[in-house]
């Protein structure tokens, strides 16, 4: 291998390492957001169930539906 080729390959490796780090950071941030949204959905579901129980609403649809 020529020196020029080795330098080119090393440059590509450096670029790919940077890209992998950026992707890793993005995936980490997205996972945090997914976790927050799941917790929010669970909280909303519990709240809706509590409201339905407090108002005495049945989960069944009326006959005209």
N, C-alpha and C. Protein backbone atom coordinates (compact mmCIF):
# COMPACT_ATOMS: atom_id res chain seq x y z
N UNK A 1 0.84 -1.19 0.00
CA UNK A 1 0.00 0.00 0.00
C UNK A 1 0.88 1.24 0.00
N UNK A 2 0.41 2.20 -0.71
CA UNK A 2 1.15 3.45 -0.72
C UNK A 2 0.74 4.28 0.49
N UNK A 3 1.59 5.20 0.81
CA UNK A 3 1.32 6.08 1.95
C UNK A 3 0.03 6.88 1.72
N UNK A 4 -0.19 7.32 0.51
CA UNK A 4 -1.38 8.09 0.18
C UNK A 4 -2.65 7.28 0.41
N UNK A 5 -2.59 6.02 0.03
CA UNK A 5 -3.75 5.13 0.21
C UNK A 5 -4.03 4.91 1.70
N UNK A 6 -2.99 4.72 2.48
CA UNK A 6 -3.15 4.52 3.93
C UNK A 6 -3.78 5.76 4.56
N UNK A 7 -3.32 6.94 4.16
CA UNK A 7 -3.87 8.18 4.69
C UNK A 7 -5.35 8.31 4.32
N UNK A 8 -5.68 7.95 3.10
CA UNK A 8 -7.07 8.00 2.65
C UNK A 8 -7.95 7.04 3.47
N UNK A 9 -7.47 5.85 3.70
CA UNK A 9 -8.22 4.87 4.50
C UNK A 9 -8.37 5.36 5.94
N UNK A 10 -7.32 5.92 6.50
CA UNK A 10 -7.40 6.44 7.87
C UNK A 10 -8.41 7.59 7.95
N UNK A 11 -8.47 8.42 6.93
CA UNK A 11 -9.44 9.52 6.89
C UNK A 11 -10.86 8.97 6.87
N UNK A 12 -11.07 7.94 6.08
CA UNK A 12 -12.39 7.32 6.02
C UNK A 12 -12.78 6.72 7.36
N UNK A 13 -11.85 6.06 7.99
CA UNK A 13 -12.12 5.45 9.30
C UNK A 13 -12.49 6.52 10.32
N UNK A 14 -11.76 7.62 10.30
CA UNK A 14 -12.06 8.72 11.23
C UNK A 14 -13.45 9.27 10.98
N UNK A 15 -13.79 9.46 9.72
CA UNK A 15 -15.12 9.95 9.37
C UNK A 15 -16.20 8.97 9.84
N UNK A 16 -15.98 7.68 9.62
CA UNK A 16 -16.96 6.67 10.03
C UNK A 16 -17.09 6.61 11.55
N UNK A 17 -16.00 6.76 12.26
CA UNK A 17 -16.07 6.76 13.73
C UNK A 17 -16.89 7.95 14.22
N UNK A 18 -16.70 9.11 13.61
CA UNK A 18 -17.50 10.29 13.97
C UNK A 18 -18.98 10.06 13.68
N UNK A 19 -19.26 9.46 12.54
CA UNK A 19 -20.64 9.18 12.17
C UNK A 19 -21.28 8.21 13.14
N UNK A 20 -20.56 7.19 13.52
CA UNK A 20 -21.08 6.20 14.49
C UNK A 20 -21.36 6.88 15.82
N UNK A 21 -20.49 7.79 16.25
CA UNK A 21 -20.70 8.49 17.51
C UNK A 21 -21.95 9.38 17.44
N UNK A 22 -22.12 10.08 16.33
CA UNK A 22 -23.32 10.91 16.15
C UNK A 22 -24.58 10.06 16.17
N UNK A 23 -24.55 8.93 15.48
CA UNK A 23 -25.72 8.04 15.46
C UNK A 23 -26.00 7.48 16.85
N UNK A 24 -24.97 7.14 17.56
CA UNK A 24 -25.15 6.62 18.91
C UNK A 24 -25.81 7.67 19.81
N UNK A 25 -25.37 8.90 19.70
CA UNK A 25 -25.96 9.98 20.48
C UNK A 25 -27.42 10.18 20.11
N UNK A 26 -27.72 10.13 18.82
CA UNK A 26 -29.09 10.29 18.35
C UNK A 26 -29.98 9.17 18.88
N UNK A 27 -29.50 7.95 18.81
CA UNK A 27 -30.28 6.80 19.30
C UNK A 27 -30.53 6.93 20.80
N UNK A 28 -29.53 7.36 21.54
CA UNK A 28 -29.67 7.54 22.98
C UNK A 28 -30.75 8.59 23.29
N UNK A 29 -30.70 9.72 22.59
CA UNK A 29 -31.68 10.78 22.81
C UNK A 29 -33.08 10.31 22.43
N UNK A 30 -33.20 9.59 21.34
CA UNK A 30 -34.50 9.07 20.93
C UNK A 30 -35.05 8.07 21.94
N UNK A 31 -34.19 7.24 22.49
CA UNK A 31 -34.64 6.27 23.49
C UNK A 31 -35.13 6.98 24.74
N UNK A 32 -34.44 8.04 25.15
CA UNK A 32 -34.90 8.81 26.30
C UNK A 32 -36.28 9.40 26.03
N UNK A 33 -36.49 9.92 24.83
CA UNK A 33 -37.77 10.49 24.48
C UNK A 33 -38.86 9.42 24.42
N UNK A 34 -38.53 8.26 23.88
CA UNK A 34 -39.49 7.15 23.84
C UNK A 34 -39.89 6.75 25.26
N UNK A 35 -38.92 6.66 26.15
CA UNK A 35 -39.21 6.31 27.54
C UNK A 35 -40.14 7.33 28.18
N UNK A 36 -39.88 8.63 27.92
CA UNK A 36 -40.73 9.68 28.48
C UNK A 36 -42.14 9.58 27.92
N UNK A 37 -42.26 9.35 26.63
CA UNK A 37 -43.58 9.25 26.01
C UNK A 37 -44.35 8.03 26.50
N UNK A 38 -43.65 6.92 26.71
CA UNK A 38 -44.31 5.73 27.25
C UNK A 38 -44.83 5.99 28.66
N UNK A 39 -44.03 6.66 29.47
CA UNK A 39 -44.47 6.98 30.82
C UNK A 39 -45.67 7.91 30.78
N UNK A 40 -45.66 8.87 29.87
CA UNK A 40 -46.77 9.80 29.73
C UNK A 40 -48.04 9.06 29.30
N UNK A 41 -47.91 8.15 28.35
CA UNK A 41 -49.07 7.37 27.90
C UNK A 41 -49.64 6.52 29.02
N UNK A 42 -48.78 5.89 29.79
CA UNK A 42 -49.24 5.08 30.91
C UNK A 42 -49.98 5.95 31.94
N UNK A 43 -49.43 7.13 32.19
CA UNK A 43 -50.07 8.05 33.14
C UNK A 43 -51.43 8.50 32.62
N UNK A 44 -51.50 8.82 31.34
CA UNK A 44 -52.78 9.24 30.76
C UNK A 44 -53.80 8.11 30.78
N UNK A 45 -53.37 6.90 30.52
CA UNK A 45 -54.27 5.75 30.55
C UNK A 45 -54.84 5.56 31.96
N UNK A 46 -53.99 5.63 32.95
CA UNK A 46 -54.44 5.49 34.33
C UNK A 46 -55.43 6.61 34.67
N UNK A 47 -55.11 7.82 34.26
CA UNK A 47 -55.99 8.96 34.52
C UNK A 47 -57.35 8.78 33.84
N UNK A 48 -57.35 8.32 32.61
CA UNK A 48 -58.61 8.09 31.89
C UNK A 48 -59.42 7.00 32.57
N UNK A 49 -58.77 5.95 33.03
CA UNK A 49 -59.48 4.87 33.72
C UNK A 49 -60.08 5.37 35.03
N UNK A 50 -59.34 6.22 35.73
CA UNK A 50 -59.85 6.77 36.97
C UNK A 50 -61.06 7.67 36.70
N UNK A 51 -60.98 8.47 35.65
CA UNK A 51 -62.11 9.34 35.30
C UNK A 51 -63.33 8.53 34.89
N UNK A 52 -63.13 7.49 34.13
CA UNK A 52 -64.24 6.64 33.71
C UNK A 52 -64.88 5.97 34.92
N UNK A 53 -64.06 5.53 35.85
CA UNK A 53 -64.60 4.88 37.06
C UNK A 53 -65.34 5.89 37.93
N UNK A 54 -64.83 7.11 37.99
CA UNK A 54 -65.45 8.14 38.84
C UNK A 54 -66.78 8.61 38.26
N UNK A 55 -66.90 8.63 36.95
CA UNK A 55 -68.15 9.10 36.34
C UNK A 55 -69.13 7.96 36.12
N UNK A 56 -68.69 6.73 36.35
CA UNK A 56 -69.56 5.58 36.22
C UNK A 56 -69.86 5.22 34.78
N UNK A 57 -69.04 5.67 33.87
CA UNK A 57 -69.26 5.34 32.47
C UNK A 57 -68.91 3.89 32.22
N UNK A 58 -69.76 3.26 31.41
CA UNK A 58 -69.49 1.89 31.00
C UNK A 58 -68.56 1.93 29.79
N UNK A 59 -67.80 0.90 29.63
CA UNK A 59 -66.91 0.85 28.48
C UNK A 59 -67.64 0.35 27.24
N UNK A 60 -68.91 -0.06 27.40
CA UNK A 60 -69.68 -0.54 26.27
C UNK A 60 -70.29 0.60 25.49
N UNK A 61 -70.44 0.41 24.20
CA UNK A 61 -71.08 1.41 23.36
C UNK A 61 -72.59 1.29 23.47
N UNK A 62 -73.27 2.41 23.31
CA UNK A 62 -74.73 2.34 23.29
C UNK A 62 -75.20 1.51 22.10
N UNK A 63 -76.42 0.98 22.15
CA UNK A 63 -76.91 0.09 21.08
C UNK A 63 -76.96 0.72 19.70
N UNK A 64 -77.08 2.03 19.61
CA UNK A 64 -77.20 2.66 18.30
C UNK A 64 -75.87 2.79 17.56
N UNK A 65 -74.77 2.36 18.12
CA UNK A 65 -73.48 2.42 17.43
C UNK A 65 -73.26 1.18 16.63
